[in-house]
Amino acid sequence: MKKVLVLLGGSALFLASCVDNPEGKKAETTDSTKVAAISGAQLMVDTTLSSLAWTARKVSATHNGDVKIKSGTIAISDGKLTGGNFTVDLTTLTNKDLEGEYKGKLEGHLKSPDFFDVANHPTAVFEITEVKPGTTPQQVVVSGNLTIRGVSKNITFDTNISEATENSFKAVADFNIAREDWGIVYTGKADDLISKEINLKINLAATK
């Protein structure tokens, strides 16, 4: 009987320690590299039309929210994306699936040193290093340095562009990053572990 209880207890602990990552293709991640020189028409990121949504999981729940894009520049040459950057204001990080006290606690924890350490690192920055053709005319493969908590890593992900002219740019991207690559190593409670990956959905718009 004791063996059965031990087995059941061990199985329960194993299940409690298993957590799936959010849906999304994981971005290829390498060391940071030289930023591409900006060429072509330069457009300013429209922060009112741009957005960055996040999703993360733990054993007991899935949480999601957003964070505001603060500023940025996009470069277009001959109707193609050639470079650019944008800055994310981590002080605006919010949760969308909770309310009241629980919402405030989660937002506070995400801004703490356990996660993004916003007091010391209030912004995150993405700088394009390379743009390659994708599998469709509207798709490109973007590589760029993503800096979070003072740690810079180069990530590569698919981007779908719906408009790219000298006056207007619109694109979306949906991918996962492994948070530990940026020093975010907090695991959560032993029976309620947090996913190692975070899903990011970026909607970027820029105008002349």
N, C-alpha and C. Protein backbone atom coordinates (compact mmCIF):
# COMPACT_ATOMS: atom_id res chain seq x y z
N MET A 1 0.83 -1.21 0.00
CA MET A 1 0.00 0.00 0.00
C MET A 1 0.86 1.26 0.00
N LYS A 2 1.94 1.21 0.81
CA LYS A 2 2.84 2.36 0.87
C LYS A 2 3.48 2.62 -0.48
N LYS A 3 3.85 1.50 -1.17
CA LYS A 3 4.47 1.65 -2.49
C LYS A 3 3.51 2.30 -3.48
N VAL A 4 2.23 1.91 -3.38
CA VAL A 4 1.22 2.49 -4.26
C VAL A 4 1.09 3.98 -4.00
N LEU A 5 1.04 4.35 -2.72
CA LEU A 5 0.92 5.77 -2.37
C LEU A 5 2.13 6.56 -2.84
N VAL A 6 3.31 5.96 -2.69
CA VAL A 6 4.54 6.62 -3.14
C VAL A 6 4.50 6.82 -4.65
N LEU A 7 4.06 5.78 -5.37
CA LEU A 7 3.97 5.88 -6.82
C LEU A 7 2.97 6.94 -7.25
N LEU A 8 1.81 6.94 -6.58
CA LEU A 8 0.79 7.94 -6.90
C LEU A 8 1.29 9.35 -6.60
N GLY A 9 1.96 9.49 -5.46
CA GLY A 9 2.49 10.79 -5.10
C GLY A 9 3.55 11.26 -6.07
N GLY A 10 4.41 10.32 -6.49
CA GLY A 10 5.45 10.66 -7.46
C GLY A 10 4.86 11.04 -8.80
N SER A 11 3.82 10.32 -9.22
CA SER A 11 3.16 10.64 -10.49
C SER A 11 2.52 12.01 -10.45
N ALA A 12 1.88 12.32 -9.33
CA ALA A 12 1.23 13.63 -9.18
C ALA A 12 2.26 14.75 -9.22
N LEU A 13 3.40 14.53 -8.56
CA LEU A 13 4.45 15.54 -8.56
C LEU A 13 5.03 15.72 -9.95
N PHE A 14 5.20 14.61 -10.68
CA PHE A 14 5.73 14.68 -12.04
C PHE A 14 4.79 15.48 -12.94
N LEU A 15 3.49 15.19 -12.85
CA LEU A 15 2.51 15.90 -13.66
C LEU A 15 2.47 17.38 -13.31
N ALA A 16 2.60 17.67 -12.03
CA ALA A 16 2.57 19.06 -11.58
C ALA A 16 3.79 19.84 -12.05
N SER A 17 4.88 19.11 -12.32
CA SER A 17 6.12 19.78 -12.73
C SER A 17 6.22 19.92 -14.25
N CYS A 18 5.25 19.37 -14.99
CA CYS A 18 5.26 19.45 -16.44
C CYS A 18 4.43 20.65 -16.89
N VAL A 19 5.02 21.49 -17.71
CA VAL A 19 4.28 22.64 -18.22
C VAL A 19 4.63 22.85 -19.68
N ASP A 20 3.60 22.98 -20.52
CA ASP A 20 3.81 23.20 -21.94
C ASP A 20 4.14 24.66 -22.20
N ASN A 21 4.95 24.89 -23.21
CA ASN A 21 5.21 26.26 -23.64
C ASN A 21 4.01 26.79 -24.41
N PRO A 22 3.85 28.11 -24.49
CA PRO A 22 2.76 28.67 -25.29
C PRO A 22 2.92 28.25 -26.75
N GLU A 23 1.83 28.22 -27.49
CA GLU A 23 1.90 27.89 -28.91
C GLU A 23 2.73 28.94 -29.64
N GLY A 24 3.55 28.50 -30.56
CA GLY A 24 4.37 29.42 -31.33
C GLY A 24 5.69 28.79 -31.71
N LYS A 25 6.23 29.22 -32.84
CA LYS A 25 7.52 28.72 -33.31
C LYS A 25 8.64 29.44 -32.56
N LYS A 26 9.56 28.68 -31.99
CA LYS A 26 10.65 29.27 -31.23
C LYS A 26 11.64 29.97 -32.16
N ALA A 27 11.95 31.22 -31.83
CA ALA A 27 12.93 31.97 -32.61
C ALA A 27 14.32 31.35 -32.43
N GLU A 28 15.07 31.28 -33.52
CA GLU A 28 16.46 30.84 -33.42
C GLU A 28 17.24 31.90 -32.66
N THR A 29 18.01 31.50 -31.68
CA THR A 29 18.71 32.45 -30.81
C THR A 29 20.21 32.18 -30.80
N THR A 30 20.99 33.24 -31.06
CA THR A 30 22.45 33.15 -31.06
C THR A 30 23.01 34.38 -30.35
N ASP A 31 24.33 34.50 -30.33
CA ASP A 31 24.95 35.69 -29.75
C ASP A 31 24.62 36.92 -30.59
N SER A 32 24.63 38.08 -29.96
CA SER A 32 24.34 39.32 -30.68
C SER A 32 25.39 39.57 -31.75
N THR A 33 25.00 40.32 -32.78
CA THR A 33 25.89 40.58 -33.90
C THR A 33 25.76 42.03 -34.35
N LYS A 34 26.52 42.41 -35.34
CA LYS A 34 26.55 43.79 -35.81
C LYS A 34 25.20 44.20 -36.40
N VAL A 35 24.76 45.39 -36.05
CA VAL A 35 23.48 45.90 -36.54
C VAL A 35 23.63 46.37 -37.98
N ALA A 36 22.64 46.05 -38.81
CA ALA A 36 22.67 46.44 -40.22
C ALA A 36 22.61 47.95 -40.37
N ALA A 37 23.39 48.48 -41.31
CA ALA A 37 23.34 49.91 -41.60
C ALA A 37 21.99 50.24 -42.24
N ILE A 38 21.36 51.30 -41.78
CA ILE A 38 20.04 51.67 -42.29
C ILE A 38 20.19 52.36 -43.65
N SER A 39 19.48 51.83 -44.66
CA SER A 39 19.49 52.43 -45.99
C SER A 39 18.07 52.54 -46.50
N GLY A 40 17.82 53.56 -47.31
CA GLY A 40 16.48 53.76 -47.85
C GLY A 40 15.68 54.77 -47.06
N ALA A 41 14.39 54.83 -47.37
CA ALA A 41 13.50 55.77 -46.68
C ALA A 41 13.30 55.35 -45.24
N GLN A 42 13.36 56.31 -44.34
CA GLN A 42 13.17 56.02 -42.92
C GLN A 42 11.78 56.44 -42.46
N LEU A 43 11.06 55.50 -41.89
CA LEU A 43 9.71 55.74 -41.38
C LEU A 43 9.73 55.66 -39.86
N MET A 44 8.84 56.40 -39.24
CA MET A 44 8.73 56.38 -37.78
C MET A 44 7.66 55.39 -37.36
N VAL A 45 7.96 54.56 -36.40
CA VAL A 45 6.98 53.62 -35.88
C VAL A 45 5.82 54.38 -35.26
N ASP A 46 4.60 54.02 -35.67
CA ASP A 46 3.38 54.62 -35.12
C ASP A 46 3.00 53.84 -33.86
N THR A 47 3.28 54.41 -32.72
CA THR A 47 3.05 53.68 -31.45
C THR A 47 1.58 53.49 -31.14
N THR A 48 0.71 54.28 -31.75
CA THR A 48 -0.73 54.12 -31.51
C THR A 48 -1.31 52.95 -32.30
N LEU A 49 -0.67 52.59 -33.40
CA LEU A 49 -1.14 51.49 -34.24
C LEU A 49 -0.33 50.22 -34.04
N SER A 50 0.78 50.32 -33.35
CA SER A 50 1.64 49.16 -33.11
C SER A 50 1.33 48.53 -31.75
N SER A 51 1.61 47.24 -31.63
CA SER A 51 1.32 46.56 -30.36
C SER A 51 2.26 45.37 -30.18
N LEU A 52 2.44 44.99 -28.91
CA LEU A 52 3.20 43.79 -28.57
C LEU A 52 2.43 43.05 -27.49
N ALA A 53 1.95 41.86 -27.84
CA ALA A 53 1.20 41.03 -26.89
C ALA A 53 2.06 39.85 -26.45
N TRP A 54 1.90 39.45 -25.19
CA TRP A 54 2.68 38.32 -24.67
C TRP A 54 1.77 37.25 -24.07
N THR A 55 2.24 36.02 -24.11
CA THR A 55 1.54 34.90 -23.48
C THR A 55 2.58 34.00 -22.81
N ALA A 56 2.29 33.58 -21.59
CA ALA A 56 3.16 32.65 -20.87
C ALA A 56 2.28 31.67 -20.10
N ARG A 57 2.84 30.52 -19.79
CA ARG A 57 2.08 29.48 -19.10
C ARG A 57 2.77 29.04 -17.82
N LYS A 58 1.96 28.56 -16.90
CA LYS A 58 2.47 27.78 -15.78
C LYS A 58 1.55 26.58 -15.67
N VAL A 59 1.85 25.67 -14.77
CA VAL A 59 1.08 24.43 -14.68
C VAL A 59 -0.40 24.72 -14.49
N SER A 60 -0.72 25.69 -13.64
CA SER A 60 -2.11 25.92 -13.25
C SER A 60 -2.86 26.93 -14.11
N ALA A 61 -2.17 27.66 -15.00
CA ALA A 61 -2.86 28.72 -15.73
C ALA A 61 -2.04 29.20 -16.92
N THR A 62 -2.74 29.89 -17.82
CA THR A 62 -2.10 30.62 -18.92
C THR A 62 -2.39 32.09 -18.73
N HIS A 63 -1.36 32.92 -18.79
CA HIS A 63 -1.53 34.36 -18.62
C HIS A 63 -1.14 35.08 -19.90
N ASN A 64 -1.81 36.20 -20.15
CA ASN A 64 -1.48 37.00 -21.33
C ASN A 64 -1.66 38.48 -21.03
N GLY A 65 -1.06 39.29 -21.84
CA GLY A 65 -1.15 40.74 -21.65
C GLY A 65 -0.45 41.45 -22.77
N ASP A 66 -0.12 42.70 -22.55
CA ASP A 66 0.60 43.46 -23.56
C ASP A 66 1.55 44.45 -22.93
N VAL A 67 2.33 45.08 -23.78
CA VAL A 67 3.29 46.09 -23.36
C VAL A 67 3.42 47.07 -24.53
N LYS A 68 3.58 48.34 -24.23
CA LYS A 68 3.56 49.36 -25.28
C LYS A 68 4.92 49.54 -25.95
N ILE A 69 4.86 49.74 -27.25
CA ILE A 69 6.05 50.10 -28.01
C ILE A 69 6.25 51.60 -27.89
N LYS A 70 7.42 52.01 -27.46
CA LYS A 70 7.70 53.41 -27.12
C LYS A 70 8.11 54.25 -28.33
N SER A 71 8.94 53.68 -29.19
CA SER A 71 9.46 54.41 -30.34
C SER A 71 10.11 53.43 -31.30
N GLY A 72 10.49 53.92 -32.48
CA GLY A 72 11.18 53.05 -33.42
C GLY A 72 11.31 53.66 -34.79
N THR A 73 12.16 53.06 -35.61
CA THR A 73 12.40 53.50 -36.98
C THR A 73 12.45 52.28 -37.89
N ILE A 74 11.84 52.39 -39.06
CA ILE A 74 11.85 51.33 -40.05
C ILE A 74 12.44 51.88 -41.35
N ALA A 75 13.30 51.11 -42.00
CA ALA A 75 13.91 51.54 -43.26
C ALA A 75 13.37 50.69 -44.41
N ILE A 76 12.96 51.38 -45.48
CA ILE A 76 12.40 50.72 -46.66
C ILE A 76 13.17 51.17 -47.90
N SER A 77 13.58 50.21 -48.74
CA SER A 77 14.25 50.53 -49.99
C SER A 77 13.68 49.66 -51.10
N ASP A 78 13.19 50.29 -52.17
CA ASP A 78 12.60 49.57 -53.30
C ASP A 78 11.49 48.62 -52.85
N GLY A 79 10.69 49.07 -51.90
CA GLY A 79 9.57 48.28 -51.43
C GLY A 79 9.94 47.12 -50.53
N LYS A 80 11.16 47.12 -50.01
CA LYS A 80 11.61 46.03 -49.15
C LYS A 80 12.13 46.57 -47.81
N LEU A 81 11.88 45.80 -46.76
CA LEU A 81 12.42 46.13 -45.45
C LEU A 81 13.93 45.92 -45.46
N THR A 82 14.69 46.95 -45.04
CA THR A 82 16.14 46.84 -45.04
C THR A 82 16.76 46.98 -43.65
N GLY A 83 16.01 47.52 -42.70
CA GLY A 83 16.56 47.69 -41.36
C GLY A 83 15.56 48.36 -40.45
N GLY A 84 16.01 48.64 -39.24
CA GLY A 84 15.13 49.33 -38.31
C GLY A 84 15.33 48.89 -36.88
N ASN A 85 14.53 49.46 -36.01
CA ASN A 85 14.61 49.16 -34.59
C ASN A 85 13.34 49.63 -33.90
N PHE A 86 13.09 49.12 -32.71
CA PHE A 86 12.03 49.68 -31.87
C PHE A 86 12.34 49.42 -30.41
N THR A 87 11.80 50.31 -29.57
CA THR A 87 12.01 50.23 -28.13
C THR A 87 10.69 49.95 -27.44
N VAL A 88 10.71 49.03 -26.49
CA VAL A 88 9.52 48.64 -25.73
C VAL A 88 9.60 49.22 -24.33
N ASP A 89 8.52 49.84 -23.88
CA ASP A 89 8.46 50.43 -22.54
C ASP A 89 7.94 49.39 -21.56
N LEU A 90 8.85 48.74 -20.85
CA LEU A 90 8.46 47.66 -19.95
C LEU A 90 7.69 48.14 -18.72
N THR A 91 7.73 49.43 -18.44
CA THR A 91 6.94 49.96 -17.32
C THR A 91 5.45 49.88 -17.61
N THR A 92 5.09 49.69 -18.89
CA THR A 92 3.67 49.62 -19.28
C THR A 92 3.17 48.18 -19.34
N LEU A 93 3.98 47.22 -18.93
CA LEU A 93 3.60 45.81 -19.00
C LEU A 93 2.33 45.56 -18.19
N THR A 94 1.32 44.99 -18.84
CA THR A 94 0.05 44.72 -18.17
C THR A 94 -0.42 43.29 -18.42
N ASN A 95 -1.27 42.80 -17.53
CA ASN A 95 -1.91 41.50 -17.66
C ASN A 95 -3.37 41.71 -18.06
N LYS A 96 -3.88 40.84 -18.93
CA LYS A 96 -5.24 41.00 -19.45
C LYS A 96 -6.24 39.95 -18.95
N ASP A 97 -5.76 38.85 -18.37
CA ASP A 97 -6.69 37.77 -18.03
C ASP A 97 -7.10 37.76 -16.56
N LEU A 98 -6.49 38.61 -15.74
CA LEU A 98 -6.84 38.68 -14.33
C LEU A 98 -7.43 40.05 -14.00
N GLU A 99 -8.03 40.15 -12.82
CA GLU A 99 -8.60 41.42 -12.37
C GLU A 99 -8.22 41.67 -10.91
N GLY A 100 -8.32 42.92 -10.51
CA GLY A 100 -8.16 43.29 -9.11
C GLY A 100 -6.82 42.95 -8.52
N GLU A 101 -6.85 42.40 -7.31
CA GLU A 101 -5.64 42.12 -6.55
C GLU A 101 -4.70 41.16 -7.28
N TYR A 102 -5.25 40.11 -7.90
CA TYR A 102 -4.41 39.12 -8.57
C TYR A 102 -3.71 39.72 -9.79
N LYS A 103 -4.41 40.59 -10.49
CA LYS A 103 -3.82 41.29 -11.64
C LYS A 103 -2.64 42.15 -11.18
N GLY A 104 -2.84 42.91 -10.12
CA GLY A 104 -1.78 43.77 -9.60
C GLY A 104 -0.58 42.99 -9.12
N LYS A 105 -0.84 41.86 -8.45
CA LYS A 105 0.27 41.04 -7.94
C LYS A 105 1.10 40.46 -9.08
N LEU A 106 0.41 39.97 -10.13
CA LEU A 106 1.15 39.39 -11.24
C LEU A 106 1.97 40.46 -11.97
N GLU A 107 1.37 41.61 -12.22
CA GLU A 107 2.09 42.68 -12.91
C GLU A 107 3.30 43.12 -12.09
N GLY A 108 3.12 43.23 -10.78
CA GLY A 108 4.23 43.61 -9.92
C GLY A 108 5.35 42.58 -9.93
N HIS A 109 4.96 41.31 -9.93
CA HIS A 109 5.97 40.24 -9.94
C HIS A 109 6.73 40.23 -11.26
N LEU A 110 6.02 40.43 -12.38
CA LEU A 110 6.67 40.43 -13.68
C LEU A 110 7.67 41.59 -13.81
N LYS A 111 7.40 42.68 -13.12
CA LYS A 111 8.30 43.84 -13.17
C LYS A 111 9.44 43.74 -12.16
N SER A 112 9.40 42.74 -11.29
CA SER A 112 10.39 42.58 -10.23
C SER A 112 11.67 41.93 -10.78
N PRO A 113 12.73 41.87 -9.95
CA PRO A 113 13.98 41.22 -10.38
C PRO A 113 13.82 39.74 -10.74
N ASP A 114 12.75 39.08 -10.29
CA ASP A 114 12.51 37.69 -10.69
C ASP A 114 12.32 37.56 -12.19
N PHE A 115 11.81 38.63 -12.81
CA PHE A 115 11.52 38.59 -14.24
C PHE A 115 12.25 39.72 -14.98
N PHE A 116 11.57 40.82 -15.26
CA PHE A 116 12.15 41.84 -16.14
C PHE A 116 12.93 42.93 -15.42
N ASP A 117 12.90 42.97 -14.09
CA ASP A 117 13.68 43.94 -13.32
C ASP A 117 13.53 45.34 -13.89
N VAL A 118 12.29 45.78 -13.99
CA VAL A 118 11.96 47.03 -14.68
C VAL A 118 12.58 48.26 -14.02
N ALA A 119 12.76 48.24 -12.72
CA ALA A 119 13.36 49.39 -12.03
C ALA A 119 14.76 49.68 -12.57
N ASN A 120 15.50 48.64 -12.90
CA ASN A 120 16.86 48.80 -13.42
C ASN A 120 16.94 48.73 -14.94
N HIS A 121 15.94 48.11 -15.56
CA HIS A 121 15.94 47.95 -17.02
C HIS A 121 14.54 48.27 -17.55
N PRO A 122 14.18 49.55 -17.62
CA PRO A 122 12.81 49.94 -17.97
C PRO A 122 12.42 49.73 -19.43
N THR A 123 13.40 49.47 -20.29
CA THR A 123 13.09 49.27 -21.71
C THR A 123 13.74 48.00 -22.24
N ALA A 124 13.16 47.49 -23.32
CA ALA A 124 13.77 46.42 -24.11
C ALA A 124 13.92 46.97 -25.53
N VAL A 125 14.96 46.56 -26.23
CA VAL A 125 15.24 47.12 -27.56
C VAL A 125 15.46 45.99 -28.57
N PHE A 126 14.88 46.17 -29.77
CA PHE A 126 15.13 45.24 -30.87
C PHE A 126 15.74 46.02 -32.03
N GLU A 127 16.87 45.52 -32.56
CA GLU A 127 17.57 46.17 -33.67
C GLU A 127 17.83 45.15 -34.77
N ILE A 128 17.32 45.42 -35.96
CA ILE A 128 17.46 44.49 -37.08
C ILE A 128 18.91 44.39 -37.53
N THR A 129 19.36 43.16 -37.73
CA THR A 129 20.72 42.92 -38.23
C THR A 129 20.72 42.33 -39.64
N GLU A 130 19.62 41.70 -40.04
CA GLU A 130 19.56 41.09 -41.37
C GLU A 130 18.11 40.80 -41.73
N VAL A 131 17.81 40.93 -43.03
CA VAL A 131 16.48 40.59 -43.55
C VAL A 131 16.68 39.71 -44.78
N LYS A 132 16.08 38.52 -44.77
CA LYS A 132 16.17 37.59 -45.89
C LYS A 132 14.77 37.28 -46.43
N PRO A 133 14.67 36.87 -47.70
CA PRO A 133 13.37 36.48 -48.25
C PRO A 133 12.80 35.28 -47.51
N GLY A 134 11.47 35.24 -47.41
CA GLY A 134 10.80 34.11 -46.79
C GLY A 134 10.28 33.14 -47.82
N THR A 135 9.30 32.34 -47.44
CA THR A 135 8.77 31.31 -48.33
C THR A 135 7.64 31.82 -49.22
N THR A 136 7.14 33.03 -48.95
CA THR A 136 6.10 33.64 -49.77
C THR A 136 6.52 35.08 -50.08
N PRO A 137 5.89 35.72 -51.09
CA PRO A 137 6.26 37.10 -51.41
C PRO A 137 6.05 38.07 -50.26
N GLN A 138 5.10 37.77 -49.37
CA GLN A 138 4.80 38.67 -48.25
C GLN A 138 5.64 38.37 -47.01
N GLN A 139 6.39 37.28 -47.04
CA GLN A 139 7.12 36.87 -45.84
C GLN A 139 8.61 37.16 -45.97
N VAL A 140 9.20 37.62 -44.86
CA VAL A 140 10.65 37.75 -44.77
C VAL A 140 11.12 37.08 -43.49
N VAL A 141 12.39 36.76 -43.44
CA VAL A 141 12.99 36.20 -42.24
C VAL A 141 13.88 37.29 -41.63
N VAL A 142 13.48 37.75 -40.48
CA VAL A 142 14.17 38.87 -39.83
C VAL A 142 15.09 38.36 -38.72
N SER A 143 16.30 38.88 -38.70
CA SER A 143 17.22 38.64 -37.59
C SER A 143 17.53 39.97 -36.93
N GLY A 144 17.67 39.95 -35.62
CA GLY A 144 17.97 41.19 -34.92
C GLY A 144 18.39 40.95 -33.49
N ASN A 145 19.07 41.93 -32.93
CA ASN A 145 19.49 41.86 -31.54
C ASN A 145 18.36 42.31 -30.62
N LEU A 146 17.96 41.43 -29.73
CA LEU A 146 16.94 41.75 -28.72
C LEU A 146 17.65 41.90 -27.38
N THR A 147 17.52 43.09 -26.79
CA THR A 147 18.17 43.37 -25.51
C THR A 147 17.12 43.48 -24.42
N ILE A 148 17.23 42.60 -23.42
CA ILE A 148 16.34 42.58 -22.25
C ILE A 148 17.22 42.44 -21.01
N ARG A 149 16.96 43.25 -20.01
CA ARG A 149 17.73 43.20 -18.75
C ARG A 149 19.23 43.38 -19.00
N GLY A 150 19.58 44.15 -20.03
CA GLY A 150 20.98 44.39 -20.34
C GLY A 150 21.67 43.27 -21.08
N VAL A 151 20.93 42.21 -21.40
CA VAL A 151 21.48 41.06 -22.12
C VAL A 151 21.00 41.12 -23.57
N SER A 152 21.93 41.03 -24.51
CA SER A 152 21.59 41.12 -25.93
C SER A 152 21.82 39.78 -26.62
N LYS A 153 20.78 39.28 -27.28
CA LYS A 153 20.86 38.05 -28.06
C LYS A 153 20.26 38.29 -29.44
N ASN A 154 20.81 37.62 -30.43
CA ASN A 154 20.28 37.75 -31.79
C ASN A 154 19.21 36.69 -32.01
N ILE A 155 18.05 37.10 -32.45
CA ILE A 155 16.95 36.17 -32.70
C ILE A 155 16.53 36.25 -34.17
N THR A 156 16.05 35.14 -34.69
CA THR A 156 15.60 35.06 -36.08
C THR A 156 14.19 34.49 -36.11
N PHE A 157 13.29 35.17 -36.83
CA PHE A 157 11.89 34.75 -36.86
C PHE A 157 11.23 35.21 -38.16
N ASP A 158 10.13 34.55 -38.51
CA ASP A 158 9.36 34.89 -39.71
C ASP A 158 8.51 36.13 -39.46
N THR A 159 8.41 36.97 -40.48
CA THR A 159 7.58 38.18 -40.41
C THR A 159 6.75 38.29 -41.67
N ASN A 160 5.48 38.59 -41.53
CA ASN A 160 4.60 38.79 -42.67
C ASN A 160 4.36 40.29 -42.87
N ILE A 161 4.71 40.78 -44.05
CA ILE A 161 4.59 42.20 -44.36
C ILE A 161 3.40 42.42 -45.28
N SER A 162 2.48 43.27 -44.88
CA SER A 162 1.30 43.57 -45.71
C SER A 162 1.45 44.87 -46.49
N GLU A 163 2.39 45.71 -46.07
CA GLU A 163 2.61 46.98 -46.77
C GLU A 163 4.03 47.45 -46.52
N ALA A 164 4.73 47.82 -47.60
CA ALA A 164 6.10 48.32 -47.47
C ALA A 164 6.38 49.30 -48.59
N THR A 165 6.15 50.58 -48.32
CA THR A 165 6.42 51.65 -49.27
C THR A 165 7.25 52.72 -48.58
N GLU A 166 7.61 53.75 -49.31
CA GLU A 166 8.38 54.84 -48.71
C GLU A 166 7.54 55.71 -47.79
N ASN A 167 6.24 55.43 -47.74
CA ASN A 167 5.34 56.21 -46.89
C ASN A 167 4.66 55.41 -45.79
N SER A 168 4.62 54.08 -45.94
CA SER A 168 3.88 53.28 -44.97
C SER A 168 4.43 51.87 -44.88
N PHE A 169 4.36 51.31 -43.66
CA PHE A 169 4.85 49.95 -43.42
C PHE A 169 3.95 49.27 -42.41
N LYS A 170 3.57 48.02 -42.70
CA LYS A 170 2.77 47.23 -41.77
C LYS A 170 3.27 45.79 -41.79
N ALA A 171 3.45 45.22 -40.61
CA ALA A 171 3.94 43.84 -40.53
C ALA A 171 3.51 43.21 -39.22
N VAL A 172 3.45 41.88 -39.22
CA VAL A 172 3.14 41.12 -38.00
C VAL A 172 4.12 39.97 -37.86
N ALA A 173 4.40 39.61 -36.61
CA ALA A 173 5.27 38.47 -36.32
C ALA A 173 4.73 37.76 -35.08
N ASP A 174 4.91 36.45 -35.05
CA ASP A 174 4.41 35.62 -33.95
C ASP A 174 5.45 34.55 -33.68
N PHE A 175 6.10 34.60 -32.51
CA PHE A 175 7.18 33.66 -32.22
C PHE A 175 7.40 33.54 -30.71
N ASN A 176 8.15 32.53 -30.33
CA ASN A 176 8.51 32.32 -28.92
C ASN A 176 9.98 32.63 -28.68
N ILE A 177 10.28 33.08 -27.47
CA ILE A 177 11.67 33.20 -27.04
C ILE A 177 11.84 32.42 -25.74
N ALA A 178 13.05 31.90 -25.52
CA ALA A 178 13.37 31.20 -24.27
C ALA A 178 13.89 32.22 -23.27
N ARG A 179 13.11 32.51 -22.24
CA ARG A 179 13.42 33.61 -21.33
C ARG A 179 14.76 33.45 -20.62
N GLU A 180 15.19 32.21 -20.40
CA GLU A 180 16.45 31.99 -19.71
C GLU A 180 17.65 32.54 -20.48
N ASP A 181 17.51 32.69 -21.81
CA ASP A 181 18.59 33.26 -22.61
C ASP A 181 18.88 34.71 -22.22
N TRP A 182 17.92 35.36 -21.57
CA TRP A 182 18.09 36.75 -21.13
C TRP A 182 18.20 36.83 -19.60
N GLY A 183 18.52 35.73 -18.98
CA GLY A 183 18.74 35.72 -17.54
C GLY A 183 17.50 35.69 -16.69
N ILE A 184 16.34 35.39 -17.30
CA ILE A 184 15.09 35.29 -16.54
C ILE A 184 14.93 33.82 -16.16
N VAL A 185 15.44 33.45 -15.01
CA VAL A 185 15.55 32.04 -14.64
C VAL A 185 14.60 31.61 -13.53
N TYR A 186 13.74 32.52 -13.07
CA TYR A 186 12.79 32.17 -12.01
C TYR A 186 11.89 31.03 -12.51
N THR A 187 11.79 29.97 -11.71
CA THR A 187 11.08 28.77 -12.17
C THR A 187 9.63 28.69 -11.70
N GLY A 188 9.28 29.48 -10.68
CA GLY A 188 7.95 29.35 -10.10
C GLY A 188 7.98 28.38 -8.94
N LYS A 189 6.81 28.06 -8.41
CA LYS A 189 6.71 27.11 -7.31
C LYS A 189 6.97 25.70 -7.80
N ALA A 190 7.44 24.84 -6.90
CA ALA A 190 7.80 23.47 -7.28
C ALA A 190 6.64 22.71 -7.89
N ASP A 191 5.41 23.00 -7.43
CA ASP A 191 4.24 22.31 -7.95
C ASP A 191 3.46 23.16 -8.96
N ASP A 192 4.06 24.27 -9.40
CA ASP A 192 3.37 25.15 -10.36
C ASP A 192 4.42 25.88 -11.20
N LEU A 193 5.21 25.09 -11.92
CA LEU A 193 6.33 25.64 -12.67
C LEU A 193 5.87 26.52 -13.83
N ILE A 194 6.74 27.44 -14.22
CA ILE A 194 6.47 28.40 -15.29
C ILE A 194 7.14 27.94 -16.57
N SER A 195 6.48 28.13 -17.70
CA SER A 195 7.05 27.73 -18.99
C SER A 195 8.36 28.45 -19.26
N LYS A 196 9.27 27.76 -19.93
CA LYS A 196 10.57 28.34 -20.25
C LYS A 196 10.47 29.33 -21.41
N GLU A 197 9.41 29.22 -22.20
CA GLU A 197 9.26 30.11 -23.36
C GLU A 197 8.12 31.10 -23.16
N ILE A 198 8.27 32.26 -23.78
CA ILE A 198 7.25 33.30 -23.81
C ILE A 198 6.87 33.52 -25.26
N ASN A 199 5.58 33.60 -25.54
CA ASN A 199 5.13 33.91 -26.90
C ASN A 199 4.96 35.41 -27.06
N LEU A 200 5.47 35.93 -28.17
CA LEU A 200 5.34 37.35 -28.49
C LEU A 200 4.62 37.50 -29.82
N LYS A 201 3.63 38.37 -29.84
CA LYS A 201 2.93 38.71 -31.08
C LYS A 201 3.11 40.21 -31.31
N ILE A 202 3.80 40.54 -32.39
CA ILE A 202 4.14 41.93 -32.68
C ILE A 202 3.37 42.41 -33.89
N ASN A 203 2.72 43.53 -33.74
CA ASN A 203 2.02 44.21 -34.83
C ASN A 203 2.68 45.57 -34.98
N LEU A 204 3.41 45.76 -36.07
CA LEU A 204 4.21 46.97 -36.22
C LEU A 204 3.73 47.79 -37.41
N ALA A 205 3.49 49.07 -37.16
CA ALA A 205 3.08 50.01 -38.20
C ALA A 205 3.99 51.22 -38.16
N ALA A 206 4.36 51.72 -39.34
CA ALA A 206 5.23 52.89 -39.41
C ALA A 206 4.80 53.78 -40.57
N THR A 207 5.01 55.07 -40.42
CA THR A 207 4.64 56.03 -41.46
C THR A 207 5.76 57.06 -41.63
N LYS A 208 5.69 57.80 -42.73
CA LYS A 208 6.70 58.82 -43.04
C LYS A 208 6.68 59.93 -42.00
